[in-house]
């Protein structure tokens, strides 16, 4: 009779754990394709307006703190490493390794959100949030600078929402990993959540240069 891990390795609708792994991995890739289309629309809108109003976007970008953006980039690159090590720990059936690197990934994700909260607070303080109280004197075209900040908050805000969801998923994995739920036979949830986490990190790799480095040379 198969042991407990093997029984838990796949649901009744699948013929084998391997079939379940293939299906769930494919499902995550399909989901990520839809996410690429979603963020792709935002990137397209940004590109169109960036080339339509270059001076406004340059001055607005210069008001962002590229050092904080670079810090968050390093944080997310580190979180991709810890996530990959958590997946490896699951594949090897090493509970301690899984738990340690899942915790580190969660902490790095929380650090990213903390830095982003500091940035958002600064924008509220300087009235750079689109709306009735928006005020921008750093450039020649405040009207279209507001458009930049609208895209900035839309793109980074949606990215932050994905980060929060990712941390929730990692917390769920951490609870299961601490109970010894994952083994060399069954680690698909860790692997699939890892794909999602790496996708979110890659999105930021594109957001950082587009939003922060565009005007970084204006104010050294």
C-alpha atoms as a PDB file:
ATOM      1  CA  UNK A   1       0.000   0.000   0.000  1.00  0.00           C
ATOM      2  CA  UNK A   2       1.365   3.446  -0.833  1.00  0.00           C
ATOM      3  CA  UNK A   3       2.488   5.636   2.044  1.00  0.00           C
ATOM      4  CA  UNK A   4       0.853   8.887   3.159  1.00  0.00           C
ATOM      5  CA  UNK A   5       2.987  11.101   0.981  1.00  0.00           C
ATOM      6  CA  UNK A   6       2.114   9.156  -2.138  1.00  0.00           C
ATOM      7  CA  UNK A   7      -1.593   9.210  -1.315  1.00  0.00           C
ATOM      8  CA  UNK A   8      -1.392  12.993  -0.906  1.00  0.00           C
ATOM      9  CA  UNK A   9       0.656  13.437  -4.056  1.00  0.00           C
ATOM     10  CA  UNK A  10      -2.334  13.752  -6.391  1.00  0.00           C
ATOM     11  CA  UNK A  11      -6.073  14.269  -6.328  1.00  0.00           C
ATOM     12  CA  UNK A  12      -8.528  11.605  -7.410  1.00  0.00           C
ATOM     13  CA  UNK A  13      -9.230  13.220 -10.803  1.00  0.00           C
ATOM     14  CA  UNK A  14      -5.631  12.651 -11.896  1.00  0.00           C
ATOM     15  CA  UNK A  15      -4.091   9.323 -12.879  1.00  0.00           C
ATOM     16  CA  UNK A  16      -0.746  10.131 -11.304  1.00  0.00           C
ATOM     17  CA  UNK A  17       1.223  12.770  -9.426  1.00  0.00           C
ATOM     18  CA  UNK A  18       3.173  13.465 -12.614  1.00  0.00           C
ATOM     19  CA  UNK A  19      -0.027  14.181 -14.543  1.00  0.00           C
ATOM     20  CA  UNK A  20      -1.253  16.516 -11.794  1.00  0.00           C
ATOM     21  CA  UNK A  21       2.087  18.320 -11.779  1.00  0.00           C
ATOM     22  CA  UNK A  22       1.977  18.841 -15.554  1.00  0.00           C
ATOM     23  CA  UNK A  23      -1.602  20.125 -15.464  1.00  0.00           C
ATOM     24  CA  UNK A  24      -1.101  22.528 -12.566  1.00  0.00           C
ATOM     25  CA  UNK A  25       2.135  23.858 -14.044  1.00  0.00           C
ATOM     26  CA  UNK A  26       0.428  24.401 -17.394  1.00  0.00           C
ATOM     27  CA  UNK A  27      -2.443  26.134 -15.604  1.00  0.00           C
ATOM     28  CA  UNK A  28      -0.039  28.536 -13.918  1.00  0.00           C
ATOM     29  CA  UNK A  29       1.680  29.314 -17.217  1.00  0.00           C
ATOM     30  CA  UNK A  30      -1.695  30.063 -18.832  1.00  0.00           C
ATOM     31  CA  UNK A  31      -2.538  32.356 -15.921  1.00  0.00           C
ATOM     32  CA  UNK A  32       0.821  34.120 -16.258  1.00  0.00           C
ATOM     33  CA  UNK A  33       0.166  34.687 -19.962  1.00  0.00           C
ATOM     34  CA  UNK A  34      -3.028  36.552 -19.042  1.00  0.00           C
ATOM     35  CA  UNK A  35      -1.015  38.583 -16.547  1.00  0.00           C
ATOM     36  CA  UNK A  36       1.512  39.426 -19.254  1.00  0.00           C
ATOM     37  CA  UNK A  37      -1.337  40.700 -21.427  1.00  0.00           C
ATOM     38  CA  UNK A  38      -2.641  42.795 -18.522  1.00  0.00           C
ATOM     39  CA  UNK A  39       0.686  44.408 -17.682  1.00  0.00           C
ATOM     40  CA  UNK A  40       1.462  44.624 -21.392  1.00  0.00           C
ATOM     41  CA  UNK A  41      -1.480  46.999 -21.809  1.00  0.00           C
ATOM     42  CA  UNK A  42      -0.092  49.243 -19.074  1.00  0.00           C
ATOM     43  CA  UNK A  43       3.370  49.173 -20.622  1.00  0.00           C
ATOM     44  CA  UNK A  44       1.890  50.053 -24.002  1.00  0.00           C
ATOM     45  CA  UNK A  45      -0.037  52.996 -22.565  1.00  0.00           C
ATOM     46  CA  UNK A  46       3.105  54.185 -20.813  1.00  0.00           C
ATOM     47  CA  UNK A  47       5.152  53.967 -24.030  1.00  0.00           C
ATOM     48  CA  UNK A  48       2.605  55.886 -26.073  1.00  0.00           C
ATOM     49  CA  UNK A  49       2.324  58.744 -23.586  1.00  0.00           C
ATOM     50  CA  UNK A  50       6.050  58.727 -22.871  1.00  0.00           C
ATOM     51  CA  UNK A  51       6.797  59.516 -26.510  1.00  0.00           C
ATOM     52  CA  UNK A  52       3.880  61.937 -26.770  1.00  0.00           C
ATOM     53  CA  UNK A  53       4.917  64.047 -23.753  1.00  0.00           C
ATOM     54  CA  UNK A  54       8.660  63.438 -23.222  1.00  0.00           C
ATOM     55  CA  UNK A  55       9.390  66.629 -21.233  1.00  0.00           C
ATOM     56  CA  UNK A  56       6.562  66.039 -18.765  1.00  0.00           C
ATOM     57  CA  UNK A  57       7.508  62.405 -18.228  1.00  0.00           C
ATOM     58  CA  UNK A  58      11.183  63.312 -17.819  1.00  0.00           C
ATOM     59  CA  UNK A  59      10.526  65.880 -15.113  1.00  0.00           C
ATOM     60  CA  UNK A  60       8.032  63.642 -13.315  1.00  0.00           C
ATOM     61  CA  UNK A  61      10.395  60.687 -13.389  1.00  0.00           C
ATOM     62  CA  UNK A  62      13.153  62.872 -11.955  1.00  0.00           C
ATOM     63  CA  UNK A  63      11.026  63.405  -8.838  1.00  0.00           C
ATOM     64  CA  UNK A  64      11.153  59.681  -8.025  1.00  0.00           C
ATOM     65  CA  UNK A  65      13.893  58.393  -5.731  1.00  0.00           C
ATOM     66  CA  UNK A  66      15.827  56.020  -7.990  1.00  0.00           C
ATOM     67  CA  UNK A  67      17.934  54.865  -5.034  1.00  0.00           C
ATOM     68  CA  UNK A  68      14.861  53.439  -3.316  1.00  0.00           C
ATOM     69  CA  UNK A  69      13.848  51.865  -6.628  1.00  0.00           C
ATOM     70  CA  UNK A  70      17.300  50.306  -6.949  1.00  0.00           C
ATOM     71  CA  UNK A  71      17.099  49.058  -3.354  1.00  0.00           C
ATOM     72  CA  UNK A  72      13.790  47.373  -4.084  1.00  0.00           C
ATOM     73  CA  UNK A  73      15.234  45.855  -7.241  1.00  0.00           C
ATOM     74  CA  UNK A  74      18.017  44.267  -5.202  1.00  0.00           C
ATOM     75  CA  UNK A  75      15.493  43.074  -2.626  1.00  0.00           C
ATOM     76  CA  UNK A  76      13.387  41.332  -5.263  1.00  0.00           C
ATOM     77  CA  UNK A  77      16.399  39.756  -6.952  1.00  0.00           C
ATOM     78  CA  UNK A  78      17.352  38.369  -3.548  1.00  0.00           C
ATOM     79  CA  UNK A  79      13.812  37.085  -3.034  1.00  0.00           C
ATOM     80  CA  UNK A  80      13.975  35.238  -6.357  1.00  0.00           C
ATOM     81  CA  UNK A  81      17.089  33.462  -5.096  1.00  0.00           C
ATOM     82  CA  UNK A  82      15.500  32.497  -1.775  1.00  0.00           C
ATOM     83  CA  UNK A  83      12.358  31.331  -3.578  1.00  0.00           C
ATOM     84  CA  UNK A  84      14.431  29.130  -5.881  1.00  0.00           C
ATOM     85  CA  UNK A  85      16.196  27.657  -2.845  1.00  0.00           C
ATOM     86  CA  UNK A  86      12.831  27.006  -1.173  1.00  0.00           C
ATOM     87  CA  UNK A  87      11.737  25.081  -4.262  1.00  0.00           C
ATOM     88  CA  UNK A  88      14.993  23.122  -4.187  1.00  0.00           C
ATOM     89  CA  UNK A  89      14.436  22.335  -0.526  1.00  0.00           C
ATOM     90  CA  UNK A  90      10.977  20.994  -1.346  1.00  0.00           C
ATOM     91  CA  UNK A  91      12.337  18.897  -4.209  1.00  0.00           C
ATOM     92  CA  UNK A  92      14.944  17.403  -1.881  1.00  0.00           C
ATOM     93  CA  UNK A  93      12.425  16.863   0.889  1.00  0.00           C
ATOM     94  CA  UNK A  94      14.378  19.052   3.343  1.00  0.00           C
ATOM     95  CA  UNK A  95      11.817  20.592   5.661  1.00  0.00           C
ATOM     96  CA  UNK A  96      14.211  22.941   7.451  1.00  0.00           C
ATOM     97  CA  UNK A  97      15.547  24.300   4.158  1.00  0.00           C
ATOM     98  CA  UNK A  98      12.017  24.909   2.881  1.00  0.00           C
ATOM     99  CA  UNK A  99      10.948  26.743   6.020  1.00  0.00           C
ATOM    100  CA  UNK A 100      14.059  28.934   6.243  1.00  0.00           C
ATOM    101  CA  UNK A 101      13.949  30.106   2.644  1.00  0.00           C
ATOM    102  CA  UNK A 102      10.188  30.604   2.603  1.00  0.00           C
ATOM    103  CA  UNK A 103      10.543  32.828   5.667  1.00  0.00           C
ATOM    104  CA  UNK A 104      13.373  34.765   4.014  1.00  0.00           C
ATOM    105  CA  UNK A 105      11.303  35.221   0.854  1.00  0.00           C
ATOM    106  CA  UNK A 106       8.363  36.525   2.884  1.00  0.00           C
ATOM    107  CA  UNK A 107      10.619  38.936   4.768  1.00  0.00           C
ATOM    108  CA  UNK A 108      12.137  40.243   1.545  1.00  0.00           C
ATOM    109  CA  UNK A 109       8.684  40.682   0.033  1.00  0.00           C
ATOM    110  CA  UNK A 110       7.557  42.582   3.133  1.00  0.00           C
ATOM    111  CA  UNK A 111      10.692  44.741   2.910  1.00  0.00           C
ATOM    112  CA  UNK A 112       9.816  45.623  -0.674  1.00  0.00           C
ATOM    113  CA  UNK A 113       6.308  46.679   0.345  1.00  0.00           C
ATOM    114  CA  UNK A 114       7.697  48.702   3.250  1.00  0.00           C
ATOM    115  CA  UNK A 115      10.012  50.650   0.938  1.00  0.00           C
ATOM    116  CA  UNK A 116       7.143  51.181  -1.481  1.00  0.00           C
ATOM    117  CA  UNK A 117       4.984  52.523   1.382  1.00  0.00           C
ATOM    118  CA  UNK A 118       7.731  55.070   2.153  1.00  0.00           C
ATOM    119  CA  UNK A 119       7.735  56.161  -1.479  1.00  0.00           C
ATOM    120  CA  UNK A 120       3.954  56.477  -1.583  1.00  0.00           C
ATOM    121  CA  UNK A 121       3.950  58.512   1.628  1.00  0.00           C
ATOM    122  CA  UNK A 122       6.446  60.917   0.080  1.00  0.00           C
ATOM    123  CA  UNK A 123       4.218  61.362  -2.984  1.00  0.00           C
ATOM    124  CA  UNK A 124       1.216  62.137  -0.778  1.00  0.00           C
ATOM    125  CA  UNK A 125       3.279  64.608   1.216  1.00  0.00           C
ATOM    126  CA  UNK A 126       4.375  66.467  -1.931  1.00  0.00           C
ATOM    127  CA  UNK A 127       0.896  66.308  -3.528  1.00  0.00           C
ATOM    128  CA  UNK A 128       2.085  64.179  -6.431  1.00  0.00           C
ATOM    129  CA  UNK A 129      -0.936  61.901  -6.223  1.00  0.00           C
ATOM    130  CA  UNK A 130      -3.303  62.416  -9.201  1.00  0.00           C
ATOM    131  CA  UNK A 131      -6.547  64.098  -8.219  1.00  0.00           C
ATOM    132  CA  UNK A 132      -7.915  67.444  -7.010  1.00  0.00           C
ATOM    133  CA  UNK A 133      -4.928  68.091  -4.713  1.00  0.00           C
ATOM    134  CA  UNK A 134      -2.281  67.287  -7.324  1.00  0.00           C
ATOM    135  CA  UNK A 135       0.479  69.891  -7.467  1.00  0.00           C
ATOM    136  CA  UNK A 136       3.690  69.692  -9.469  1.00  0.00           C
ATOM    137  CA  UNK A 137       6.097  72.601  -9.953  1.00  0.00           C
ATOM    138  CA  UNK A 138       9.214  70.649 -10.932  1.00  0.00           C
ATOM    139  CA  UNK A 139       8.479  70.617 -14.662  1.00  0.00           C
ATOM    140  CA  UNK A 140       7.057  72.712 -17.505  1.00  0.00           C
ATOM    141  CA  UNK A 141       3.988  70.545 -18.087  1.00  0.00           C
ATOM    142  CA  UNK A 142       2.181  69.667 -14.825  1.00  0.00           C
ATOM    143  CA  UNK A 143      -0.935  68.463 -16.649  1.00  0.00           C
ATOM    144  CA  UNK A 144       0.864  65.633 -18.406  1.00  0.00           C
ATOM    145  CA  UNK A 145       3.128  65.066 -15.417  1.00  0.00           C
ATOM    146  CA  UNK A 146      -0.065  64.046 -13.636  1.00  0.00           C
ATOM    147  CA  UNK A 147      -0.543  61.488 -16.400  1.00  0.00           C
ATOM    148  CA  UNK A 148       2.869  60.043 -15.569  1.00  0.00           C
ATOM    149  CA  UNK A 149       1.954  59.729 -11.910  1.00  0.00           C
ATOM    150  CA  UNK A 150      -1.368  58.129 -12.839  1.00  0.00           C
ATOM    151  CA  UNK A 151       0.535  55.418 -14.692  1.00  0.00           C
ATOM    152  CA  UNK A 152       3.132  55.228 -11.920  1.00  0.00           C
ATOM    153  CA  UNK A 153       0.525  54.506  -9.260  1.00  0.00           C
ATOM    154  CA  UNK A 154      -1.440  52.170 -11.531  1.00  0.00           C
ATOM    155  CA  UNK A 155       1.598  50.101 -12.497  1.00  0.00           C
ATOM    156  CA  UNK A 156       3.385  50.001  -9.147  1.00  0.00           C
ATOM    157  CA  UNK A 157       0.075  49.664  -7.290  1.00  0.00           C
ATOM    158  CA  UNK A 158      -0.967  46.612  -9.291  1.00  0.00           C
ATOM    159  CA  UNK A 159       2.494  45.184  -8.827  1.00  0.00           C
ATOM    160  CA  UNK A 160       2.191  45.723  -5.062  1.00  0.00           C
ATOM    161  CA  UNK A 161      -1.182  43.929  -5.058  1.00  0.00           C
ATOM    162  CA  UNK A 162       0.489  40.957  -6.754  1.00  0.00           C
ATOM    163  CA  UNK A 163       3.215  41.090  -4.094  1.00  0.00           C
ATOM    164  CA  UNK A 164       0.629  40.970  -1.301  1.00  0.00           C
ATOM    165  CA  UNK A 165      -1.054  37.972  -2.951  1.00  0.00           C
ATOM    166  CA  UNK A 166       2.344  36.320  -3.336  1.00  0.00           C
ATOM    167  CA  UNK A 167       3.171  36.818   0.347  1.00  0.00           C
ATOM    168  CA  UNK A 168      -0.199  35.282   1.223  1.00  0.00           C
ATOM    169  CA  UNK A 169       0.596  32.240  -0.912  1.00  0.00           C
ATOM    170  CA  UNK A 170       4.061  31.964   0.618  1.00  0.00           C
ATOM    171  CA  UNK A 171       2.561  32.071   4.100  1.00  0.00           C
ATOM    172  CA  UNK A 172       0.236  29.216   3.135  1.00  0.00           C
ATOM    173  CA  UNK A 173       3.225  27.230   1.834  1.00  0.00           C
ATOM    174  CA  UNK A 174       5.156  27.979   5.026  1.00  0.00           C
ATOM    175  CA  UNK A 175       2.386  26.502   7.173  1.00  0.00           C
ATOM    176  CA  UNK A 176       2.289  23.354   5.049  1.00  0.00           C
ATOM    177  CA  UNK A 177       6.082  23.077   4.863  1.00  0.00           C
ATOM    178  CA  UNK A 178       6.378  23.352   8.643  1.00  0.00           C
ATOM    179  CA  UNK A 179       4.052  20.344   8.893  1.00  0.00           C
ATOM    180  CA  UNK A 180       6.222  18.326   6.502  1.00  0.00           C
ATOM    181  CA  UNK A 181       3.616  18.397   3.746  1.00  0.00           C
ATOM    182  CA  UNK A 182       6.112  18.597   0.883  1.00  0.00           C
ATOM    183  CA  UNK A 183       8.610  15.939  -0.119  1.00  0.00           C
ATOM    184  CA  UNK A 184      10.635  14.774  -3.110  1.00  0.00           C
ATOM    185  CA  UNK A 185       7.423  13.073  -4.290  1.00  0.00           C
ATOM    186  CA  UNK A 186       5.137  16.057  -3.807  1.00  0.00           C
ATOM    187  CA  UNK A 187       6.395  19.627  -4.143  1.00  0.00           C
ATOM    188  CA  UNK A 188       4.266  21.009  -6.977  1.00  0.00           C
ATOM    189  CA  UNK A 189       2.568  23.807  -4.949  1.00  0.00           C
ATOM    190  CA  UNK A 190       5.956  25.250  -4.008  1.00  0.00           C
ATOM    191  CA  UNK A 191       7.127  25.069  -7.607  1.00  0.00           C
ATOM    192  CA  UNK A 192       3.963  26.703  -8.991  1.00  0.00           C
ATOM    193  CA  UNK A 193       3.976  29.534  -6.450  1.00  0.00           C
ATOM    194  CA  UNK A 194       7.661  29.968  -7.284  1.00  0.00           C
ATOM    195  CA  UNK A 195       6.729  30.589 -10.925  1.00  0.00           C
ATOM    196  CA  UNK A 196       4.255  33.248  -9.839  1.00  0.00           C
ATOM    197  CA  UNK A 197       6.816  34.909  -7.568  1.00  0.00           C
ATOM    198  CA  UNK A 198       9.479  34.990 -10.282  1.00  0.00           C
ATOM    199  CA  UNK A 199       6.964  36.544 -12.684  1.00  0.00           C
ATOM    200  CA  UNK A 200       6.182  39.338 -10.224  1.00  0.00           C
ATOM    201  CA  UNK A 201       9.915  39.957  -9.788  1.00  0.00           C
ATOM    202  CA  UNK A 202      10.446  40.130 -13.557  1.00  0.00           C
ATOM    203  CA  UNK A 203       7.649  42.686 -13.923  1.00  0.00           C
ATOM    204  CA  UNK A 204       9.494  44.947 -11.486  1.00  0.00           C
ATOM    205  CA  UNK A 205      12.716  44.546 -13.466  1.00  0.00           C
ATOM    206  CA  UNK A 206      10.883  46.281 -16.330  1.00  0.00           C
ATOM    207  CA  UNK A 207       9.104  48.842 -14.145  1.00  0.00           C
ATOM    208  CA  UNK A 208      12.275  50.073 -12.481  1.00  0.00           C
ATOM    209  CA  UNK A 209      14.110  51.452 -15.546  1.00  0.00           C
ATOM    210  CA  UNK A 210      10.942  52.746 -17.218  1.00  0.00           C
ATOM    211  CA  UNK A 211       9.722  54.710 -14.217  1.00  0.00           C
ATOM    212  CA  UNK A 212      12.833  55.536 -12.209  1.00  0.00           C
ATOM    213  CA  UNK A 213      15.803  55.744 -14.574  1.00  0.00           C
ATOM    214  CA  UNK A 214      14.106  57.888 -17.210  1.00  0.00           C
ATOM    215  CA  UNK A 215      14.850  61.079 -15.266  1.00  0.00           C
ATOM    216  CA  UNK A 216      17.555  59.880 -12.864  1.00  0.00           C
ATOM    217  CA  UNK A 217      20.241  62.034 -14.517  1.00  0.00           C
ATOM    218  CA  UNK A 218      18.283  65.255 -13.974  1.00  0.00           C
ATOM    219  CA  UNK A 219      18.836  65.325 -10.196  1.00  0.00           C
ATOM    220  CA  UNK A 220      22.044  63.437  -9.318  1.00  0.00           C
END
